[in-house]
PDB file of N, CA and C in Angstrom:
ATOM      1  N   MET A   1    -107.395  53.214  54.970  1.00  0.00           N
ATOM      2  CA  MET A   1    -107.915  52.544  56.172  1.00  0.00           C
ATOM      3  C   MET A   1    -109.193  51.792  55.730  1.00  0.00           C
ATOM      4  N   THR A   2    -109.273  50.461  56.074  1.00  0.00           N
ATOM      5  CA  THR A   2    -110.404  49.536  55.883  1.00  0.00           C
ATOM      6  C   THR A   2    -111.246  49.475  57.013  1.00  0.00           C
ATOM      7  N   GLU A   3    -112.486  49.293  56.719  1.00  0.00           N
ATOM      8  CA  GLU A   3    -113.565  49.143  57.748  1.00  0.00           C
ATOM      9  C   GLU A   3    -113.629  47.641  58.142  1.00  0.00           C
ATOM     10  N   ILE A   4    -113.679  47.239  59.505  1.00  0.00           N
ATOM     11  CA  ILE A   4    -113.804  45.960  59.911  1.00  0.00           C
ATOM     12  C   ILE A   4    -115.351  45.634  59.767  1.00  0.00           C
ATOM     13  N   GLU A   5    -115.625  44.581  59.157  1.00  0.00           N
ATOM     14  CA  GLU A   5    -117.016  44.109  58.953  1.00  0.00           C
ATOM     15  C   GLU A   5    -117.485  43.422  60.397  1.00  0.00           C
ATOM     16  N   LYS A   6    -118.643  44.162  60.844  1.00  0.00           N
ATOM     17  CA  LYS A   6    -119.217  43.652  61.976  1.00  0.00           C
ATOM     18  C   LYS A   6    -120.296  42.568  61.663  1.00  0.00           C
ATOM     19  N   ALA A   7    -120.526  41.763  62.659  1.00  0.00           N
ATOM     20  CA  ALA A   7    -121.627  40.742  62.469  1.00  0.00           C
ATOM     21  C   ALA A   7    -122.866  41.342  62.485  1.00  0.00           C
ATOM     22  N   LYS A   8    -123.760  41.031  61.680  1.00  0.00           N
ATOM     23  CA  LYS A   8    -125.091  41.744  61.566  1.00  0.00           C
ATOM     24  C   LYS A   8    -126.138  40.588  62.341  1.00  0.00           C
ATOM     25  N   CYS A   9    -127.223  41.079  62.592  1.00  0.00           N
ATOM     26  CA  CYS A   9    -128.286  40.273  63.256  1.00  0.00           C
ATOM     27  C   CYS A   9    -128.818  39.257  62.145  1.00  0.00           C
ATOM     28  N   GLU A  10    -129.137  38.049  62.590  1.00  0.00           N
ATOM     29  CA  GLU A  10    -129.548  37.161  61.612  1.00  0.00           C
ATOM     30  C   GLU A  10    -130.936  36.837  62.045  1.00  0.00           C
ATOM     31  N   ASN A  11    -132.029  36.908  61.138  1.00  0.00           N
ATOM     32  CA  ASN A  11    -133.259  36.650  61.394  1.00  0.00           C
ATOM     33  C   ASN A  11    -133.651  35.298  60.915  1.00  0.00           C
ATOM     34  N   THR A  12    -134.075  34.451  61.894  1.00  0.00           N
ATOM     35  CA  THR A  12    -134.414  32.947  61.481  1.00  0.00           C
ATOM     36  C   THR A  12    -135.824  32.869  61.189  1.00  0.00           C
ATOM     37  N   GLY A  13    -136.765  33.914  61.091  1.00  0.00           N
ATOM     38  CA  GLY A  13    -138.160  33.654  60.951  1.00  0.00           C
ATOM     39  C   GLY A  13    -138.983  34.038  62.123  1.00  0.00           C
ATOM     40  N   ASN A  14    -138.720  33.253  63.235  1.00  0.00           N
ATOM     41  CA  ASN A  14    -139.466  33.566  64.571  1.00  0.00           C
ATOM     42  C   ASN A  14    -138.457  33.966  65.550  1.00  0.00           C
ATOM     43  N   TRP A  15    -137.149  33.974  65.321  1.00  0.00           N
ATOM     44  CA  TRP A  15    -136.074  34.300  66.391  1.00  0.00           C
ATOM     45  C   TRP A  15    -135.042  35.104  65.674  1.00  0.00           C
ATOM     46  N   ILE A  16    -134.291  35.861  66.566  1.00  0.00           N
ATOM     47  CA  ILE A  16    -133.155  36.545  66.021  1.00  0.00           C
ATOM     48  C   ILE A  16    -131.802  36.260  66.738  1.00  0.00           C
ATOM     49  N   ASN A  17    -130.795  35.969  65.903  1.00  0.00           N
ATOM     50  CA  ASN A  17    -129.406  35.836  66.504  1.00  0.00           C
ATOM     51  C   ASN A  17    -128.916  37.401  66.343  1.00  0.00           C
ATOM     52  N   MET A  18    -128.872  37.846  67.498  1.00  0.00           N
ATOM     53  CA  MET A  18    -128.538  39.349  67.683  1.00  0.00           C
ATOM     54  C   MET A  18    -127.195  39.698  67.460  1.00  0.00           C
ATOM     55  N   CYS A  19    -126.828  40.954  66.790  1.00  0.00           N
ATOM     56  CA  CYS A  19    -125.458  41.327  66.685  1.00  0.00           C
ATOM     57  C   CYS A  19    -125.157  41.747  68.033  1.00  0.00           C
ATOM     58  N   GLU A  20    -123.683  41.914  68.248  1.00  0.00           N
ATOM     59  CA  GLU A  20    -123.261  42.266  69.442  1.00  0.00           C
ATOM     60  C   GLU A  20    -123.811  43.432  70.206  1.00  0.00           C
ATOM     61  N   ALA A  21    -123.970  44.512  69.448  1.00  0.00           N
ATOM     62  CA  ALA A  21    -124.454  45.719  70.163  1.00  0.00           C
ATOM     63  C   ALA A  21    -125.906  45.486  70.534  1.00  0.00           C
ATOM     64  N   LEU A  22    -126.856  44.883  69.680  1.00  0.00           N
ATOM     65  CA  LEU A  22    -128.196  44.738  70.136  1.00  0.00           C
ATOM     66  C   LEU A  22    -128.206  43.802  71.411  1.00  0.00           C
ATOM     67  N   SER A  23    -127.480  42.690  71.298  1.00  0.00           N
ATOM     68  CA  SER A  23    -127.450  41.787  72.412  1.00  0.00           C
ATOM     69  C   SER A  23    -126.977  42.453  73.774  1.00  0.00           C
ATOM     70  N   GLU A  24    -125.980  43.196  73.664  1.00  0.00           N
ATOM     71  CA  GLU A  24    -125.558  44.128  74.907  1.00  0.00           C
ATOM     72  C   GLU A  24    -126.574  45.020  75.405  1.00  0.00           C
ATOM     73  N   VAL A  25    -127.214  45.656  74.567  1.00  0.00           N
ATOM     74  CA  VAL A  25    -128.202  46.615  74.980  1.00  0.00           C
ATOM     75  C   VAL A  25    -129.501  45.948  75.673  1.00  0.00           C
ATOM     76  N   THR A  26    -129.970  44.851  75.073  1.00  0.00           N
ATOM     77  CA  THR A  26    -131.101  44.070  75.608  1.00  0.00           C
ATOM     78  C   THR A  26    -130.722  43.223  76.789  1.00  0.00           C
ATOM     79  N   SER A  27    -129.588  42.734  76.892  1.00  0.00           N
ATOM     80  CA  SER A  27    -129.181  42.077  78.033  1.00  0.00           C
ATOM     81  C   SER A  27    -128.921  42.863  79.339  1.00  0.00           C
ATOM     82  N   ASN A  28    -128.422  44.017  79.060  1.00  0.00           N
ATOM     83  CA  ASN A  28    -128.112  44.856  80.149  1.00  0.00           C
ATOM     84  C   ASN A  28    -129.119  46.092  80.459  1.00  0.00           C
ATOM     85  N   SER A  29    -130.180  46.095  79.708  1.00  0.00           N
ATOM     86  CA  SER A  29    -131.189  47.120  79.893  1.00  0.00           C
ATOM     87  C   SER A  29    -130.627  48.493  79.665  1.00  0.00           C
ATOM     88  N   TYR A  30    -129.874  48.671  78.792  1.00  0.00           N
ATOM     89  CA  TYR A  30    -129.372  50.085  78.419  1.00  0.00           C
ATOM     90  C   TYR A  30    -130.566  50.812  77.649  1.00  0.00           C
ATOM     91  N   GLY A  31    -131.066  52.032  78.124  1.00  0.00           N
ATOM     92  CA  GLY A  31    -132.007  52.686  77.278  1.00  0.00           C
ATOM     93  C   GLY A  31    -133.354  52.014  77.360  1.00  0.00           C
ATOM     94  N   ASP A  32    -134.169  52.321  76.326  1.00  0.00           N
ATOM     95  CA  ASP A  32    -135.530  51.786  76.222  1.00  0.00           C
ATOM     96  C   ASP A  32    -135.706  50.575  75.401  1.00  0.00           C
ATOM     97  N   ILE A  33    -134.703  50.060  74.876  1.00  0.00           N
ATOM     98  CA  ILE A  33    -134.720  48.947  73.955  1.00  0.00           C
ATOM     99  C   ILE A  33    -134.810  47.592  74.714  1.00  0.00           C
ATOM    100  N   THR A  34    -135.798  46.718  74.608  1.00  0.00           N
ATOM    101  CA  THR A  34    -135.839  45.477  75.179  1.00  0.00           C
ATOM    102  C   THR A  34    -136.289  44.303  74.156  1.00  0.00           C
ATOM    103  N   ALA A  35    -136.013  43.175  74.694  1.00  0.00           N
ATOM    104  CA  ALA A  35    -136.372  41.922  73.908  1.00  0.00           C
ATOM    105  C   ALA A  35    -137.660  41.428  74.574  1.00  0.00           C
ATOM    106  N   GLN A  36    -138.675  41.130  73.766  1.00  0.00           N
ATOM    107  CA  GLN A  36    -139.920  40.374  74.416  1.00  0.00           C
ATOM    108  C   GLN A  36    -140.182  39.120  73.610  1.00  0.00           C
ATOM    109  N   ILE A  37    -140.597  38.292  74.460  1.00  0.00           N
ATOM    110  CA  ILE A  37    -140.858  36.901  73.925  1.00  0.00           C
ATOM    111  C   ILE A  37    -142.491  36.759  73.965  1.00  0.00           C
ATOM    112  N   LYS A  38    -143.094  36.560  72.626  1.00  0.00           N
ATOM    113  CA  LYS A  38    -144.409  36.537  72.402  1.00  0.00           C
ATOM    114  C   LYS A  38    -144.754  35.130  72.005  1.00  0.00           C
ATOM    115  N   SER A  39    -145.927  34.531  72.539  1.00  0.00           N
ATOM    116  CA  SER A  39    -146.212  33.209  72.339  1.00  0.00           C
ATOM    117  C   SER A  39    -147.781  33.098  71.929  1.00  0.00           C
ATOM    118  N   ARG A  40    -148.060  32.062  71.105  1.00  0.00           N
ATOM    119  CA  ARG A  40    -149.442  31.752  70.589  1.00  0.00           C
ATOM    120  C   ARG A  40    -149.594  30.267  70.989  1.00  0.00           C
ATOM    121  N   ARG A  41    -150.500  30.084  71.896  1.00  0.00           N
ATOM    122  CA  ARG A  41    -150.815  28.798  72.339  1.00  0.00           C
ATOM    123  C   ARG A  41    -151.454  27.958  71.352  1.00  0.00           C
ATOM    124  N   ASP A  42    -152.308  28.510  70.641  1.00  0.00           N
ATOM    125  CA  ASP A  42    -153.061  27.823  69.534  1.00  0.00           C
ATOM    126  C   ASP A  42    -152.042  27.236  68.423  1.00  0.00           C
ATOM    127  N   MET A  43    -150.972  27.880  68.211  1.00  0.00           N
ATOM    128  CA  MET A  43    -149.930  27.334  67.276  1.00  0.00           C
ATOM    129  C   MET A  43    -149.003  26.725  67.983  1.00  0.00           C
ATOM    130  N   ASP A  44    -148.708  26.786  69.257  1.00  0.00           N
ATOM    131  CA  ASP A  44    -147.489  26.278  69.984  1.00  0.00           C
ATOM    132  C   ASP A  44    -146.332  26.873  69.410  1.00  0.00           C
ATOM    133  N   SER A  45    -146.441  28.302  69.379  1.00  0.00           N
ATOM    134  CA  SER A  45    -145.277  28.930  68.705  1.00  0.00           C
ATOM    135  C   SER A  45    -144.779  30.223  69.691  1.00  0.00           C
ATOM    136  N   ARG A  46    -143.594  30.367  69.501  1.00  0.00           N
ATOM    137  CA  ARG A  46    -143.070  31.470  70.169  1.00  0.00           C
ATOM    138  C   ARG A  46    -142.134  32.337  69.339  1.00  0.00           C
ATOM    139  N   ARG A  47    -142.092  33.709  69.384  1.00  0.00           N
ATOM    140  CA  ARG A  47    -141.215  34.510  68.659  1.00  0.00           C
ATOM    141  C   ARG A  47    -140.588  35.549  69.556  1.00  0.00           C
ATOM    142  N   ILE A  48    -139.418  36.136  69.055  1.00  0.00           N
ATOM    143  CA  ILE A  48    -138.915  37.304  69.910  1.00  0.00           C
ATOM    144  C   ILE A  48    -139.194  38.601  69.086  1.00  0.00           C
ATOM    145  N   SER A  49    -139.428  39.615  69.848  1.00  0.00           N
ATOM    146  CA  SER A  49    -139.604  40.897  69.210  1.00  0.00           C
ATOM    147  C   SER A  49    -138.675  41.866  69.975  1.00  0.00           C
ATOM    148  N   ILE A  50    -138.167  42.965  69.285  1.00  0.00           N
ATOM    149  CA  ILE A  50    -137.414  43.930  69.847  1.00  0.00           C
ATOM    150  C   ILE A  50    -138.277  45.238  69.929  1.00  0.00           C
ATOM    151  N   VAL A  51    -138.561  45.768  71.021  1.00  0.00           N
ATOM    152  CA  VAL A  51    -139.280  46.867  71.283  1.00  0.00           C
ATOM    153  C   VAL A  51    -138.628  48.174  71.908  1.00  0.00           C
ATOM    154  N   ALA A  52    -139.111  49.359  71.576  1.00  0.00           N
ATOM    155  CA  ALA A  52    -138.491  50.602  72.122  1.00  0.00           C
ATOM    156  C   ALA A  52    -139.508  51.225  72.890  1.00  0.00           C
ATOM    157  N   GLY A  53    -139.255  51.797  74.016  1.00  0.00           N
ATOM    158  CA  GLY A  53    -140.287  52.576  74.799  1.00  0.00           C
ATOM    159  C   GLY A  53    -140.450  52.118  76.131  1.00  0.00           C
ATOM    160  N   LYS A  54    -140.748  52.915  77.162  1.00  0.00           N
ATOM    161  CA  LYS A  54    -140.750  52.514  78.460  1.00  0.00           C
ATOM    162  C   LYS A  54    -142.165  51.976  78.877  1.00  0.00           C
ATOM    163  N   SER A  55    -143.159  52.676  78.616  1.00  0.00           N
ATOM    164  CA  SER A  55    -144.478  52.233  79.126  1.00  0.00           C
ATOM    165  C   SER A  55    -145.230  51.451  78.038  1.00  0.00           C
ATOM    166  N   ARG A  56    -146.189  50.680  78.487  1.00  0.00           N
ATOM    167  CA  ARG A  56    -146.883  49.727  77.556  1.00  0.00           C
ATOM    168  C   ARG A  56    -147.563  50.532  76.395  1.00  0.00           C
ATOM    169  N   GLY A  57    -148.109  51.599  76.719  1.00  0.00           N
ATOM    170  CA  GLY A  57    -148.997  52.443  75.721  1.00  0.00           C
ATOM    171  C   GLY A  57    -148.150  53.227  74.774  1.00  0.00           C
ATOM    172  N   ASN A  58    -146.870  53.334  74.915  1.00  0.00           N
ATOM    173  CA  ASN A  58    -145.984  53.994  73.918  1.00  0.00           C
ATOM    174  C   ASN A  58    -144.719  53.102  73.166  1.00  0.00           C
ATOM    175  N   ARG A  59    -144.958  51.866  73.547  1.00  0.00           N
ATOM    176  CA  ARG A  59    -143.906  50.951  72.798  1.00  0.00           C
ATOM    177  C   ARG A  59    -144.106  50.789  71.381  1.00  0.00           C
ATOM    178  N   VAL A  60    -142.856  50.690  70.624  1.00  0.00           N
ATOM    179  CA  VAL A  60    -143.118  50.306  69.297  1.00  0.00           C
ATOM    180  C   VAL A  60    -142.149  49.212  68.880  1.00  0.00           C
ATOM    181  N   GLU A  61    -142.592  48.137  68.151  1.00  0.00           N
ATOM    182  CA  GLU A  61    -141.810  47.123  67.721  1.00  0.00           C
ATOM    183  C   GLU A  61    -140.948  47.509  66.650  1.00  0.00           C
ATOM    184  N   LEU A  62    -139.726  47.299  66.661  1.00  0.00           N
ATOM    185  CA  LEU A  62    -138.715  47.650  65.678  1.00  0.00           C
ATOM    186  C   LEU A  62    -138.625  46.561  64.495  1.00  0.00           C
ATOM    187  N   ASN A  63    -138.634  46.987  63.350  1.00  0.00           N
ATOM    188  CA  ASN A  63    -138.550  46.162  62.255  1.00  0.00           C
ATOM    189  C   ASN A  63    -137.025  45.940  61.791  1.00  0.00           C
ATOM    190  N   TYR A  64    -136.145  46.943  62.139  1.00  0.00           N
ATOM    191  CA  TYR A  64    -134.815  46.863  61.751  1.00  0.00           C
ATOM    192  C   TYR A  64    -133.951  47.239  62.920  1.00  0.00           C
ATOM    193  N   CYS A  65    -132.755  46.558  63.026  1.00  0.00           N
ATOM    194  CA  CYS A  65    -131.810  46.683  64.157  1.00  0.00           C
ATOM    195  C   CYS A  65    -131.265  48.332  64.027  1.00  0.00           C
ATOM    196  N   PRO A  66    -131.351  48.842  65.147  1.00  0.00           N
ATOM    197  CA  PRO A  66    -130.797  50.137  65.090  1.00  0.00           C
ATOM    198  C   PRO A  66    -129.335  50.421  65.049  1.00  0.00           C
ATOM    199  N   PHE A  67    -128.489  49.311  65.185  1.00  0.00           N
ATOM    200  CA  PHE A  67    -127.079  49.232  65.261  1.00  0.00           C
ATOM    201  C   PHE A  67    -126.585  48.639  63.813  1.00  0.00           C
ATOM    202  N   CYS A  68    -127.172  47.603  63.444  1.00  0.00           N
ATOM    203  CA  CYS A  68    -126.544  46.965  62.302  1.00  0.00           C
ATOM    204  C   CYS A  68    -127.354  47.185  61.011  1.00  0.00           C
ATOM    205  N   GLY A  69    -128.678  47.525  61.073  1.00  0.00           N
ATOM    206  CA  GLY A  69    -129.548  47.805  60.002  1.00  0.00           C
ATOM    207  C   GLY A  69    -130.180  46.542  59.439  1.00  0.00           C
ATOM    208  N   ALA A  70    -130.000  45.316  60.160  1.00  0.00           N
ATOM    209  CA  ALA A  70    -130.647  44.131  59.566  1.00  0.00           C
ATOM    210  C   ALA A  70    -132.164  44.116  59.794  1.00  0.00           C
ATOM    211  N   ASP A  71    -132.816  43.365  58.941  1.00  0.00           N
ATOM    212  CA  ASP A  71    -134.416  43.177  59.321  1.00  0.00           C
ATOM    213  C   ASP A  71    -134.502  42.145  60.327  1.00  0.00           C
ATOM    214  N   ILE A  72    -135.124  42.738  61.514  1.00  0.00           N
ATOM    215  CA  ILE A  72    -135.351  41.792  62.618  1.00  0.00           C
ATOM    216  C   ILE A  72    -136.857  41.598  62.902  1.00  0.00           C
ATOM    217  N   ALA A  73    -137.674  41.957  61.876  1.00  0.00           N
ATOM    218  CA  ALA A  73    -139.228  41.747  62.009  1.00  0.00           C
ATOM    219  C   ALA A  73    -139.493  40.071  62.047  1.00  0.00           C
ATOM    220  N   THR A  74    -140.149  39.669  63.151  1.00  0.00           N
ATOM    221  CA  THR A  74    -140.228  38.226  63.165  1.00  0.00           C
ATOM    222  C   THR A  74    -141.863  37.744  63.172  1.00  0.00           C
ATOM    223  N   GLU A  75    -142.153  36.605  62.905  1.00  0.00           N
ATOM    224  CA  GLU A  75    -143.518  36.198  62.833  1.00  0.00           C
ATOM    225  C   GLU A  75    -143.648  34.793  63.433  1.00  0.00           C
ATOM    226  N   HIS A  76    -144.813  34.404  63.800  1.00  0.00           N
ATOM    227  CA  HIS A  76    -145.097  32.992  64.343  1.00  0.00           C
ATOM    228  C   HIS A  76    -145.172  32.219  63.277  1.00  0.00           C
ATOM    229  N   LYS A  77    -144.209  31.181  63.170  1.00  0.00           N
ATOM    230  CA  LYS A  77    -144.062  30.423  61.949  1.00  0.00           C
ATOM    231  C   LYS A  77    -143.923  28.879  62.346  1.00  0.00           C
ATOM    232  N   GLU A  78    -143.017  28.668  63.310  1.00  0.00           N
ATOM    233  CA  GLU A  78    -142.786  27.306  63.625  1.00  0.00           C
ATOM    234  C   GLU A  78    -143.218  27.066  65.100  1.00  0.00           C
ATOM    235  N   PRO A  79    -143.419  25.799  65.521  1.00  0.00           N
ATOM    236  CA  PRO A  79    -143.759  25.286  66.802  1.00  0.00           C
ATOM    237  C   PRO A  79    -142.566  25.622  67.649  1.00  0.00           C
ATOM    238  N   ALA A  80    -142.678  25.933  68.843  1.00  0.00           N
ATOM    239  CA  ALA A  80    -141.553  26.153  69.827  1.00  0.00           C
ATOM    240  C   ALA A  80    -141.007  24.669  70.072  1.00  0.00           C
ATOM    241  N   ASN A  81    -139.625  24.758  70.268  1.00  0.00           N
ATOM    242  CA  ASN A  81    -138.790  23.418  70.516  1.00  0.00           C
ATOM    243  C   ASN A  81    -138.285  23.476  71.831  1.00  0.00           C
ATOM    244  N   ASP A  82    -139.073  23.867  72.829  1.00  0.00           N
ATOM    245  CA  ASP A  82    -138.582  23.808  74.165  1.00  0.00           C
ATOM    246  C   ASP A  82    -138.560  22.614  74.919  1.00  0.00           C
TER     247      ASP A  82
END
């Protein structure tokens, strides 16, 4: 029996092209995992971060996708293209 290869998250530096499972969870608010957009005005930069936890005081930012294991830590690198 062969295992079907699933698409993994792709980290572009300041943004994430999410795998199907992470996209589903963050889009439909399943559990405590959410996507947050963080911005820095001095750099005109935006980035996405994936966090786990309900209240502001106990949230943690995830460095790896809990579903596919890909590195999803992002940084403010490029100006926003909005």
